[in-house]
Amino acid sequence: MKVLVIIALCLVAFQSALSKKIENFESYIEDLKSEARECIPLYNDCTAFKYNNNCCKDPEKKYQYKCSCIVCKEGKEQCTCQRKETVESMMKCVRFVKKVGEKVIEKVG
């Protein structure tokens, strides 16, 4: 009997801790989204070229660059030249966080 009570208390504690973690995780994702939508002044703006990477050539041919675009809160698009590896890593991270968030919400909801 004591074991069942202890298990029940552990489950209740675990559930409340998990719900707090999920709330924190959801707010963290929202913070990331709003942060990503904030536009900043650009030094290597390639918006006029969109995804045409001619504006992102490296004269020393040391790195490959991509024109990466986001849509800001105002609906305005902003594009910058970034290293290809950075853009690809960022996209993998975004997809991973999105999948984890969906799975957590699916399990809870």
PDB file of N, CA and C in Angstrom:
ATOM      1  N   MET A   1       0.821  -1.191   0.000  1.00  0.00           N
ATOM      2  CA  MET A   1       0.000   0.000   0.000  1.00  0.00           C
ATOM      3  C   MET A   1       0.871   1.263   0.000  1.00  0.00           C
ATOM      4  N   LYS A   2       1.914   1.256   0.859  1.00  0.00           N
ATOM      5  CA  LYS A   2       2.810   2.405   0.920  1.00  0.00           C
ATOM      6  C   LYS A   2       3.491   2.635  -0.427  1.00  0.00           C
ATOM      7  N   VAL A   3       3.827   1.541  -1.103  1.00  0.00           N
ATOM      8  CA  VAL A   3       4.501   1.637  -2.400  1.00  0.00           C
ATOM      9  C   VAL A   3       3.595   2.333  -3.413  1.00  0.00           C
ATOM     10  N   LEU A   4       2.305   1.977  -3.418  1.00  0.00           N
ATOM     11  CA  LEU A   4       1.358   2.595  -4.345  1.00  0.00           C
ATOM     12  C   LEU A   4       1.210   4.091  -4.072  1.00  0.00           C
ATOM     13  N   VAL A   5       1.173   4.459  -2.815  1.00  0.00           N
ATOM     14  CA  VAL A   5       1.058   5.875  -2.457  1.00  0.00           C
ATOM     15  C   VAL A   5       2.301   6.635  -2.920  1.00  0.00           C
ATOM     16  N   ILE A   6       3.461   6.047  -2.704  1.00  0.00           N
ATOM     17  CA  ILE A   6       4.714   6.683  -3.124  1.00  0.00           C
ATOM     18  C   ILE A   6       4.754   6.826  -4.645  1.00  0.00           C
ATOM     19  N   ILE A   7       4.345   5.773  -5.356  1.00  0.00           N
ATOM     20  CA  ILE A   7       4.314   5.826  -6.824  1.00  0.00           C
ATOM     21  C   ILE A   7       3.346   6.904  -7.291  1.00  0.00           C
ATOM     22  N   ALA A   8       2.172   6.974  -6.657  1.00  0.00           N
ATOM     23  CA  ALA A   8       1.182   7.986  -7.038  1.00  0.00           C
ATOM     24  C   ALA A   8       1.732   9.394  -6.809  1.00  0.00           C
ATOM     25  N   LEU A   9       2.374   9.612  -5.671  1.00  0.00           N
ATOM     26  CA  LEU A   9       2.964  10.923  -5.388  1.00  0.00           C
ATOM     27  C   LEU A   9       4.063  11.270  -6.395  1.00  0.00           C
ATOM     28  N   CYS A  10       4.859  10.272  -6.746  1.00  0.00           N
ATOM     29  CA  CYS A  10       5.912  10.495  -7.743  1.00  0.00           C
ATOM     30  C   CYS A  10       5.312  10.864  -9.093  1.00  0.00           C
ATOM     31  N   LEU A  11       4.234  10.178  -9.478  1.00  0.00           N
ATOM     32  CA  LEU A  11       3.582  10.469 -10.756  1.00  0.00           C
ATOM     33  C   LEU A  11       3.001  11.878 -10.775  1.00  0.00           C
ATOM     34  N   VAL A  12       2.375  12.284  -9.669  1.00  0.00           N
ATOM     35  CA  VAL A  12       1.811  13.633  -9.588  1.00  0.00           C
ATOM     36  C   VAL A  12       2.927  14.676  -9.682  1.00  0.00           C
ATOM     37  N   ALA A  13       4.009  14.441  -8.959  1.00  0.00           N
ATOM     38  CA  ALA A  13       5.144  15.376  -9.000  1.00  0.00           C
ATOM     39  C   ALA A  13       5.744  15.431 -10.401  1.00  0.00           C
ATOM     40  N   PHE A  14       5.874  14.265 -11.026  1.00  0.00           N
ATOM     41  CA  PHE A  14       6.426  14.201 -12.380  1.00  0.00           C
ATOM     42  C   PHE A  14       5.534  14.939 -13.371  1.00  0.00           C
ATOM     43  N   GLN A  15       4.222  14.728 -13.244  1.00  0.00           N
ATOM     44  CA  GLN A  15       3.282  15.381 -14.161  1.00  0.00           C
ATOM     45  C   GLN A  15       3.335  16.902 -14.015  1.00  0.00           C
ATOM     46  N   SER A  16       3.384  17.398 -12.786  1.00  0.00           N
ATOM     47  CA  SER A  16       3.431  18.855 -12.603  1.00  0.00           C
ATOM     48  C   SER A  16       4.761  19.420 -13.108  1.00  0.00           C
ATOM     49  N   ALA A  17       5.846  18.696 -12.872  1.00  0.00           N
ATOM     50  CA  ALA A  17       7.150  19.153 -13.379  1.00  0.00           C
ATOM     51  C   ALA A  17       7.160  19.156 -14.899  1.00  0.00           C
ATOM     52  N   LEU A  18       6.565  18.115 -15.496  1.00  0.00           N
ATOM     53  CA  LEU A  18       6.519  18.017 -16.954  1.00  0.00           C
ATOM     54  C   LEU A  18       5.674  19.135 -17.550  1.00  0.00           C
ATOM     55  N   SER A  19       4.544  19.448 -16.922  1.00  0.00           N
ATOM     56  CA  SER A  19       3.697  20.513 -17.466  1.00  0.00           C
ATOM     57  C   SER A  19       4.412  21.863 -17.400  1.00  0.00           C
ATOM     58  N   LYS A  20       5.185  22.096 -16.334  1.00  0.00           N
ATOM     59  CA  LYS A  20       5.966  23.337 -16.253  1.00  0.00           C
ATOM     60  C   LYS A  20       7.026  23.374 -17.343  1.00  0.00           C
ATOM     61  N   LYS A  21       7.676  22.235 -17.568  1.00  0.00           N
ATOM     62  CA  LYS A  21       8.704  22.161 -18.614  1.00  0.00           C
ATOM     63  C   LYS A  21       8.091  22.446 -19.974  1.00  0.00           C
ATOM     64  N   ILE A  22       6.903  21.890 -20.226  1.00  0.00           N
ATOM     65  CA  ILE A  22       6.239  22.085 -21.515  1.00  0.00           C
ATOM     66  C   ILE A  22       5.859  23.548 -21.692  1.00  0.00           C
ATOM     67  N   GLU A  23       5.331  24.180 -20.642  1.00  0.00           N
ATOM     68  CA  GLU A  23       4.997  25.606 -20.718  1.00  0.00           C
ATOM     69  C   GLU A  23       6.249  26.429 -21.010  1.00  0.00           C
ATOM     70  N   ASN A  24       7.341  26.104 -20.315  1.00  0.00           N
ATOM     71  CA  ASN A  24       8.598  26.812 -20.550  1.00  0.00           C
ATOM     72  C   ASN A  24       9.085  26.588 -21.973  1.00  0.00           C
ATOM     73  N   PHE A  25       8.949  25.349 -22.462  1.00  0.00           N
ATOM     74  CA  PHE A  25       9.392  25.013 -23.813  1.00  0.00           C
ATOM     75  C   PHE A  25       8.567  25.762 -24.850  1.00  0.00           C
ATOM     76  N   GLU A  26       7.242  25.808 -24.649  1.00  0.00           N
ATOM     77  CA  GLU A  26       6.366  26.519 -25.588  1.00  0.00           C
ATOM     78  C   GLU A  26       6.693  28.010 -25.610  1.00  0.00           C
ATOM     79  N   SER A  27       6.918  28.606 -24.445  1.00  0.00           N
ATOM     80  CA  SER A  27       7.259  30.032 -24.422  1.00  0.00           C
ATOM     81  C   SER A  27       8.637  30.262 -25.040  1.00  0.00           C
ATOM     82  N   TYR A  28       9.548  29.307 -24.855  1.00  0.00           N
ATOM     83  CA  TYR A  28      10.873  29.405 -25.469  1.00  0.00           C
ATOM     84  C   TYR A  28      10.760  29.396 -26.992  1.00  0.00           C
ATOM     85  N   ILE A  29       9.910  28.518 -27.534  1.00  0.00           N
ATOM     86  CA  ILE A  29       9.703  28.454 -28.985  1.00  0.00           C
ATOM     87  C   ILE A  29       9.093  29.755 -29.484  1.00  0.00           C
ATOM     88  N   GLU A  30       8.109  30.290 -28.772  1.00  0.00           N
ATOM     89  CA  GLU A  30       7.493  31.561 -29.169  1.00  0.00           C
ATOM     90  C   GLU A  30       8.514  32.700 -29.143  1.00  0.00           C
ATOM     91  N   ASP A  31       9.370  32.705 -28.129  1.00  0.00           N
ATOM     92  CA  ASP A  31      10.417  33.729 -28.057  1.00  0.00           C
ATOM     93  C   ASP A  31      11.362  33.630 -29.248  1.00  0.00           C
ATOM     94  N   LEU A  32      11.722  32.385 -29.605  1.00  0.00           N
ATOM     95  CA  LEU A  32      12.596  32.191 -30.764  1.00  0.00           C
ATOM     96  C   LEU A  32      11.939  32.694 -32.040  1.00  0.00           C
ATOM     97  N   LYS A  33      10.638  32.386 -32.192  1.00  0.00           N
ATOM     98  CA  LYS A  33       9.921  32.818 -33.400  1.00  0.00           C
ATOM     99  C   LYS A  33       9.874  34.336 -33.490  1.00  0.00           C
ATOM    100  N   SER A  34       9.532  35.004 -32.386  1.00  0.00           N
ATOM    101  CA  SER A  34       9.432  36.464 -32.431  1.00  0.00           C
ATOM    102  C   SER A  34      10.808  37.092 -32.631  1.00  0.00           C
ATOM    103  N   GLU A  35      11.828  36.483 -32.043  1.00  0.00           N
ATOM    104  CA  GLU A  35      13.192  36.985 -32.224  1.00  0.00           C
ATOM    105  C   GLU A  35      13.615  36.866 -33.687  1.00  0.00           C
ATOM    106  N   ALA A  36      13.241  35.770 -34.322  1.00  0.00           N
ATOM    107  CA  ALA A  36      13.610  35.548 -35.722  1.00  0.00           C
ATOM    108  C   ALA A  36      12.911  36.535 -36.638  1.00  0.00           C
ATOM    109  N   ARG A  37      11.735  37.035 -36.239  1.00  0.00           N
ATOM    110  CA  ARG A  37      10.968  37.946 -37.089  1.00  0.00           C
ATOM    111  C   ARG A  37      11.399  39.405 -36.948  1.00  0.00           C
ATOM    112  N   GLU A  38      12.232  39.700 -35.967  1.00  0.00           N
ATOM    113  CA  GLU A  38      12.667  41.084 -35.785  1.00  0.00           C
ATOM    114  C   GLU A  38      13.687  41.432 -36.856  1.00  0.00           C
ATOM    115  N   CYS A  39      13.447  42.538 -37.551  1.00  0.00           N
ATOM    116  CA  CYS A  39      14.363  42.947 -38.612  1.00  0.00           C
ATOM    117  C   CYS A  39      15.473  43.817 -38.039  1.00  0.00           C
ATOM    118  N   ILE A  40      16.652  43.601 -38.554  1.00  0.00           N
ATOM    119  CA  ILE A  40      17.805  44.387 -38.123  1.00  0.00           C
ATOM    120  C   ILE A  40      18.428  45.041 -39.348  1.00  0.00           C
ATOM    121  N   PRO A  41      19.169  46.133 -39.163  1.00  0.00           N
ATOM    122  CA  PRO A  41      19.827  46.757 -40.322  1.00  0.00           C
ATOM    123  C   PRO A  41      20.794  45.776 -40.978  1.00  0.00           C
ATOM    124  N   LEU A  42      20.813  45.782 -42.288  1.00  0.00           N
ATOM    125  CA  LEU A  42      21.629  44.811 -43.021  1.00  0.00           C
ATOM    126  C   LEU A  42      22.835  45.465 -43.666  1.00  0.00           C
ATOM    127  N   TYR A  43      23.935  44.748 -43.641  1.00  0.00           N
ATOM    128  CA  TYR A  43      25.135  45.204 -44.333  1.00  0.00           C
ATOM    129  C   TYR A  43      25.322  44.435 -45.637  1.00  0.00           C
ATOM    130  N   ASN A  44      24.766  43.243 -45.716  1.00  0.00           N
ATOM    131  CA  ASN A  44      24.921  42.418 -46.912  1.00  0.00           C
ATOM    132  C   ASN A  44      23.545  42.027 -47.447  1.00  0.00           C
ATOM    133  N   ASP A  45      22.708  43.019 -47.650  1.00  0.00           N
ATOM    134  CA  ASP A  45      21.323  42.807 -48.082  1.00  0.00           C
ATOM    135  C   ASP A  45      21.286  42.240 -49.503  1.00  0.00           C
ATOM    136  N   CYS A  46      20.574  41.135 -49.678  1.00  0.00           N
ATOM    137  CA  CYS A  46      20.437  40.546 -51.011  1.00  0.00           C
ATOM    138  C   CYS A  46      18.966  40.392 -51.377  1.00  0.00           C
ATOM    139  N   THR A  47      18.083  41.199 -50.754  1.00  0.00           N
ATOM    140  CA  THR A  47      16.641  41.094 -50.984  1.00  0.00           C
ATOM    141  C   THR A  47      16.284  41.286 -52.449  1.00  0.00           C
ATOM    142  N   ALA A  48      16.947  42.214 -53.106  1.00  0.00           N
ATOM    143  CA  ALA A  48      16.630  42.495 -54.511  1.00  0.00           C
ATOM    144  C   ALA A  48      16.878  41.279 -55.400  1.00  0.00           C
ATOM    145  N   PHE A  49      17.800  40.418 -54.977  1.00  0.00           N
ATOM    146  CA  PHE A  49      18.150  39.251 -55.788  1.00  0.00           C
ATOM    147  C   PHE A  49      17.421  37.989 -55.353  1.00  0.00           C
ATOM    148  N   LYS A  50      16.712  38.088 -54.217  1.00  0.00           N
ATOM    149  CA  LYS A  50      16.030  36.925 -53.619  1.00  0.00           C
ATOM    150  C   LYS A  50      17.011  35.767 -53.480  1.00  0.00           C
ATOM    151  N   TYR A  51      16.667  34.629 -54.069  1.00  0.00           N
ATOM    152  CA  TYR A  51      17.489  33.439 -53.866  1.00  0.00           C
ATOM    153  C   TYR A  51      18.565  33.284 -54.937  1.00  0.00           C
ATOM    154  N   ASN A  52      18.738  34.285 -55.775  1.00  0.00           N
ATOM    155  CA  ASN A  52      19.824  34.274 -56.740  1.00  0.00           C
ATOM    156  C   ASN A  52      21.095  34.599 -55.958  1.00  0.00           C
ATOM    157  N   ASN A  53      22.024  33.691 -55.920  1.00  0.00           N
ATOM    158  CA  ASN A  53      23.179  33.841 -55.042  1.00  0.00           C
ATOM    159  C   ASN A  53      24.341  34.617 -55.659  1.00  0.00           C
ATOM    160  N   ASN A  54      24.096  35.303 -56.783  1.00  0.00           N
ATOM    161  CA  ASN A  54      25.179  36.080 -57.389  1.00  0.00           C
ATOM    162  C   ASN A  54      25.684  37.171 -56.459  1.00  0.00           C
ATOM    163  N   CYS A  55      24.796  37.685 -55.595  1.00  0.00           N
ATOM    164  CA  CYS A  55      25.215  38.753 -54.684  1.00  0.00           C
ATOM    165  C   CYS A  55      26.032  38.204 -53.526  1.00  0.00           C
ATOM    166  N   CYS A  56      26.089  36.908 -53.400  1.00  0.00           N
ATOM    167  CA  CYS A  56      26.749  36.295 -52.247  1.00  0.00           C
ATOM    168  C   CYS A  56      28.071  35.628 -52.620  1.00  0.00           C
ATOM    169  N   LYS A  57      28.708  36.097 -53.658  1.00  0.00           N
ATOM    170  CA  LYS A  57      29.975  35.497 -54.080  1.00  0.00           C
ATOM    171  C   LYS A  57      31.092  35.920 -53.130  1.00  0.00           C
ATOM    172  N   ASP A  58      31.943  34.982 -52.815  1.00  0.00           N
ATOM    173  CA  ASP A  58      33.112  35.261 -51.994  1.00  0.00           C
ATOM    174  C   ASP A  58      34.300  35.448 -52.937  1.00  0.00           C
ATOM    175  N   PRO A  59      34.873  36.661 -52.988  1.00  0.00           N
ATOM    176  CA  PRO A  59      35.958  36.903 -53.943  1.00  0.00           C
ATOM    177  C   PRO A  59      37.153  35.972 -53.739  1.00  0.00           C
ATOM    178  N   GLU A  60      37.389  35.552 -52.511  1.00  0.00           N
ATOM    179  CA  GLU A  60      38.515  34.651 -52.239  1.00  0.00           C
ATOM    180  C   GLU A  60      38.136  33.189 -52.437  1.00  0.00           C
ATOM    181  N   LYS A  61      36.871  32.939 -52.710  1.00  0.00           N
ATOM    182  CA  LYS A  61      36.332  31.585 -52.902  1.00  0.00           C
ATOM    183  C   LYS A  61      36.657  30.662 -51.719  1.00  0.00           C
ATOM    184  N   LYS A  62      36.645  31.255 -50.529  1.00  0.00           N
ATOM    185  CA  LYS A  62      36.938  30.495 -49.321  1.00  0.00           C
ATOM    186  C   LYS A  62      35.701  29.746 -48.826  1.00  0.00           C
ATOM    187  N   TYR A  63      34.534  30.408 -48.904  1.00  0.00           N
ATOM    188  CA  TYR A  63      33.291  29.808 -48.426  1.00  0.00           C
ATOM    189  C   TYR A  63      32.212  29.913 -49.488  1.00  0.00           C
ATOM    190  N   GLN A  64      31.211  29.031 -49.389  1.00  0.00           N
ATOM    191  CA  GLN A  64      30.022  29.155 -50.229  1.00  0.00           C
ATOM    192  C   GLN A  64      28.979  29.925 -49.427  1.00  0.00           C
ATOM    193  N   TYR A  65      28.295  30.848 -50.093  1.00  0.00           N
ATOM    194  CA  TYR A  65      27.280  31.653 -49.423  1.00  0.00           C
ATOM    195  C   TYR A  65      25.914  31.435 -50.055  1.00  0.00           C
ATOM    196  N   LYS A  66      24.878  31.639 -49.258  1.00  0.00           N
ATOM    197  CA  LYS A  66      23.498  31.554 -49.734  1.00  0.00           C
ATOM    198  C   LYS A  66      22.767  32.814 -49.313  1.00  0.00           C
ATOM    199  N   CYS A  67      21.803  33.204 -50.122  1.00  0.00           N
ATOM    200  CA  CYS A  67      20.938  34.318 -49.759  1.00  0.00           C
ATOM    201  C   CYS A  67      19.781  33.724 -48.956  1.00  0.00           C
ATOM    202  N   SER A  68      19.729  34.034 -47.671  1.00  0.00           N
ATOM    203  CA  SER A  68      18.727  33.471 -46.771  1.00  0.00           C
ATOM    204  C   SER A  68      17.713  34.552 -46.411  1.00  0.00           C
ATOM    205  N   CYS A  69      16.417  34.240 -46.531  1.00  0.00           N
ATOM    206  CA  CYS A  69      15.372  35.248 -46.309  1.00  0.00           C
ATOM    207  C   CYS A  69      14.451  34.868 -45.150  1.00  0.00           C
ATOM    208  N   ILE A  70      13.985  35.887 -44.407  1.00  0.00           N
ATOM    209  CA  ILE A  70      12.947  35.708 -43.389  1.00  0.00           C
ATOM    210  C   ILE A  70      11.874  36.760 -43.627  1.00  0.00           C
ATOM    211  N   VAL A  71      10.675  36.493 -43.119  1.00  0.00           N
ATOM    212  CA  VAL A  71       9.594  37.477 -43.189  1.00  0.00           C
ATOM    213  C   VAL A  71       9.460  38.093 -41.805  1.00  0.00           C
ATOM    214  N   CYS A  72       9.566  39.403 -41.737  1.00  0.00           N
ATOM    215  CA  CYS A  72       9.513  40.130 -40.467  1.00  0.00           C
ATOM    216  C   CYS A  72       8.067  40.275 -39.990  1.00  0.00           C
ATOM    217  N   LYS A  73       7.906  40.783 -38.781  1.00  0.00           N
ATOM    218  CA  LYS A  73       6.578  40.976 -38.201  1.00  0.00           C
ATOM    219  C   LYS A  73       5.693  41.840 -39.085  1.00  0.00           C
ATOM    220  N   GLU A  74       6.281  42.866 -39.699  1.00  0.00           N
ATOM    221  CA  GLU A  74       5.499  43.788 -40.528  1.00  0.00           C
ATOM    222  C   GLU A  74       5.120  43.169 -41.872  1.00  0.00           C
ATOM    223  N   GLY A  75       5.566  41.952 -42.139  1.00  0.00           N
ATOM    224  CA  GLY A  75       5.284  41.301 -43.414  1.00  0.00           C
ATOM    225  C   GLY A  75       6.341  41.603 -44.461  1.00  0.00           C
ATOM    226  N   LYS A  76       7.331  42.392 -44.073  1.00  0.00           N
ATOM    227  CA  LYS A  76       8.416  42.747 -44.979  1.00  0.00           C
ATOM    228  C   LYS A  76       9.440  41.611 -45.001  1.00  0.00           C
ATOM    229  N   GLU A  77       9.970  41.320 -46.183  1.00  0.00           N
ATOM    230  CA  GLU A  77      10.972  40.262 -46.289  1.00  0.00           C
ATOM    231  C   GLU A  77      12.367  40.858 -46.163  1.00  0.00           C
ATOM    232  N   GLN A  78      13.225  40.128 -45.483  1.00  0.00           N
ATOM    233  CA  GLN A  78      14.596  40.582 -45.309  1.00  0.00           C
ATOM    234  C   GLN A  78      15.536  39.436 -45.655  1.00  0.00           C
ATOM    235  N   CYS A  79      16.520  39.713 -46.492  1.00  0.00           N
ATOM    236  CA  CYS A  79      17.438  38.669 -46.943  1.00  0.00           C
ATOM    237  C   CYS A  79      18.880  39.079 -46.684  1.00  0.00           C
ATOM    238  N   THR A  80      19.676  38.117 -46.245  1.00  0.00           N
ATOM    239  CA  THR A  80      21.097  38.365 -46.029  1.00  0.00           C
ATOM    240  C   THR A  80      21.913  37.226 -46.609  1.00  0.00           C
ATOM    241  N   CYS A  81      23.149  37.546 -46.965  1.00  0.00           N
ATOM    242  CA  CYS A  81      24.080  36.522 -47.433  1.00  0.00           C
ATOM    243  C   CYS A  81      24.704  35.868 -46.203  1.00  0.00           C
ATOM    244  N   GLN A  82      24.596  34.546 -46.138  1.00  0.00           N
ATOM    245  CA  GLN A  82      25.168  33.816 -45.013  1.00  0.00           C
ATOM    246  C   GLN A  82      25.908  32.603 -45.543  1.00  0.00           C
ATOM    247  N   ARG A  83      26.852  32.121 -44.749  1.00  0.00           N
ATOM    248  CA  ARG A  83      27.584  30.927 -45.170  1.00  0.00           C
ATOM    249  C   ARG A  83      26.615  29.769 -45.340  1.00  0.00           C
ATOM    250  N   LYS A  84      26.825  29.003 -46.391  1.00  0.00           N
ATOM    251  CA  LYS A  84      25.933  27.894 -46.733  1.00  0.00           C
ATOM    252  C   LYS A  84      25.780  26.922 -45.560  1.00  0.00           C
ATOM    253  N   GLU A  85      26.887  26.598 -44.899  1.00  0.00           N
ATOM    254  CA  GLU A  85      26.840  25.651 -43.772  1.00  0.00           C
ATOM    255  C   GLU A  85      25.979  26.196 -42.636  1.00  0.00           C
ATOM    256  N   THR A  86      26.065  27.496 -42.396  1.00  0.00           N
ATOM    257  CA  THR A  86      25.285  28.126 -41.326  1.00  0.00           C
ATOM    258  C   THR A  86      23.800  28.042 -41.625  1.00  0.00           C
ATOM    259  N   VAL A  87      23.428  28.344 -42.872  1.00  0.00           N
ATOM    260  CA  VAL A  87      22.018  28.304 -43.269  1.00  0.00           C
ATOM    261  C   VAL A  87      21.477  26.887 -43.140  1.00  0.00           C
ATOM    262  N   GLU A  88      22.238  25.898 -43.617  1.00  0.00           N
ATOM    263  CA  GLU A  88      21.772  24.508 -43.556  1.00  0.00           C
ATOM    264  C   GLU A  88      21.658  24.024 -42.120  1.00  0.00           C
ATOM    265  N   SER A  89      22.613  24.370 -41.266  1.00  0.00           N
ATOM    266  CA  SER A  89      22.541  23.984 -39.847  1.00  0.00           C
ATOM    267  C   SER A  89      21.343  24.625 -39.169  1.00  0.00           C
ATOM    268  N   MET A  90      21.105  25.901 -39.484  1.00  0.00           N
ATOM    269  CA  MET A  90      19.978  26.621 -38.893  1.00  0.00           C
ATOM    270  C   MET A  90      18.656  25.958 -39.295  1.00  0.00           C
ATOM    271  N   MET A  91      18.531  25.576 -40.561  1.00  0.00           N
ATOM    272  CA  MET A  91      17.295  24.948 -41.029  1.00  0.00           C
ATOM    273  C   MET A  91      17.088  23.586 -40.368  1.00  0.00           C
ATOM    274  N   LYS A  92      18.157  22.813 -40.192  1.00  0.00           N
ATOM    275  CA  LYS A  92      18.048  21.523 -39.502  1.00  0.00           C
ATOM    276  C   LYS A  92      17.576  21.733 -38.070  1.00  0.00           C
ATOM    277  N   CYS A  93      18.138  22.734 -37.409  1.00  0.00           N
ATOM    278  CA  CYS A  93      17.768  23.036 -36.027  1.00  0.00           C
ATOM    279  C   CYS A  93      16.306  23.451 -35.937  1.00  0.00           C
ATOM    280  N   VAL A  94      15.857  24.306 -36.848  1.00  0.00           N
ATOM    281  CA  VAL A  94      14.461  24.760 -36.852  1.00  0.00           C
ATOM    282  C   VAL A  94      13.524  23.574 -37.046  1.00  0.00           C
ATOM    283  N   ARG A  95      13.856  22.691 -37.994  1.00  0.00           N
ATOM    284  CA  ARG A  95      13.005  21.509 -38.230  1.00  0.00           C
ATOM    285  C   ARG A  95      12.966  20.611 -37.002  1.00  0.00           C
ATOM    286  N   PHE A  96      14.126  20.414 -36.342  1.00  0.00           N
ATOM    287  CA  PHE A  96      14.194  19.572 -35.156  1.00  0.00           C
ATOM    288  C   PHE A  96      13.342  20.146 -34.028  1.00  0.00           C
ATOM    289  N   VAL A  97      13.498  21.441 -33.752  1.00  0.00           N
ATOM    290  CA  VAL A  97      12.733  22.081 -32.673  1.00  0.00           C
ATOM    291  C   VAL A  97      11.240  22.009 -32.973  1.00  0.00           C
ATOM    292  N   LYS A  98      10.872  22.217 -34.235  1.00  0.00           N
ATOM    293  CA  LYS A  98       9.461  22.163 -34.623  1.00  0.00           C
ATOM    294  C   LYS A  98       8.891  20.761 -34.391  1.00  0.00           C
ATOM    295  N   LYS A  99       9.637  19.714 -34.788  1.00  0.00           N
ATOM    296  CA  LYS A  99       9.170  18.332 -34.600  1.00  0.00           C
ATOM    297  C   LYS A  99       9.042  17.987 -33.121  1.00  0.00           C
ATOM    298  N   VAL A 100      10.045  18.377 -32.331  1.00  0.00           N
ATOM    299  CA  VAL A 100       9.998  18.098 -30.891  1.00  0.00           C
ATOM    300  C   VAL A 100       8.811  18.814 -30.262  1.00  0.00           C
ATOM    301  N   GLY A 101       8.609  20.076 -30.623  1.00  0.00           N
ATOM    302  CA  GLY A 101       7.471  20.835 -30.099  1.00  0.00           C
ATOM    303  C   GLY A 101       6.146  20.191 -30.446  1.00  0.00           C
ATOM    304  N   GLU A 102       6.004  19.732 -31.706  1.00  0.00           N
ATOM    305  CA  GLU A 102       4.761  19.075 -32.131  1.00  0.00           C
ATOM    306  C   GLU A 102       4.534  17.786 -31.356  1.00  0.00           C
ATOM    307  N   LYS A 103       5.605  16.996 -31.146  1.00  0.00           N
ATOM    308  CA  LYS A 103       5.465  15.730 -30.416  1.00  0.00           C
ATOM    309  C   LYS A 103       5.094  15.971 -28.960  1.00  0.00           C
ATOM    310  N   VAL A 104       5.717  16.975 -28.338  1.00  0.00           N
ATOM    311  CA  VAL A 104       5.416  17.279 -26.935  1.00  0.00           C
ATOM    312  C   VAL A 104       3.970  17.734 -26.800  1.00  0.00           C
ATOM    313  N   ILE A 105       3.534  18.624 -27.675  1.00  0.00           N
ATOM    314  CA  ILE A 105       2.160  19.125 -27.626  1.00  0.00           C
ATOM    315  C   ILE A 105       1.173  17.998 -27.915  1.00  0.00           C
ATOM    316  N   GLU A 106       1.533  17.104 -28.848  1.00  0.00           N
ATOM    317  CA  GLU A 106       0.677  15.959 -29.187  1.00  0.00           C
ATOM    318  C   GLU A 106       0.508  15.038 -27.980  1.00  0.00           C
ATOM    319  N   LYS A 107       1.607  14.779 -27.256  1.00  0.00           N
ATOM    320  CA  LYS A 107       1.554  13.890 -26.085  1.00  0.00           C
ATOM    321  C   LYS A 107       0.735  14.510 -24.959  1.00  0.00           C
ATOM    322  N   VAL A 108       0.878  15.815 -24.773  1.00  0.00           N
ATOM    323  CA  VAL A 108       0.186  16.490 -23.678  1.00  0.00           C
ATOM    324  C   VAL A 108      -1.274  16.746 -24.020  1.00  0.00           C
ATOM    325  N   GLY A 109      -1.480  17.226 -25.258  1.00  0.00           N
ATOM    326  CA  GLY A 109      -2.828  17.628 -25.672  1.00  0.00           C
ATOM    327  C   GLY A 109      -3.667  16.466 -25.959  1.00  0.00           C
TER     328      GLY A 109
END
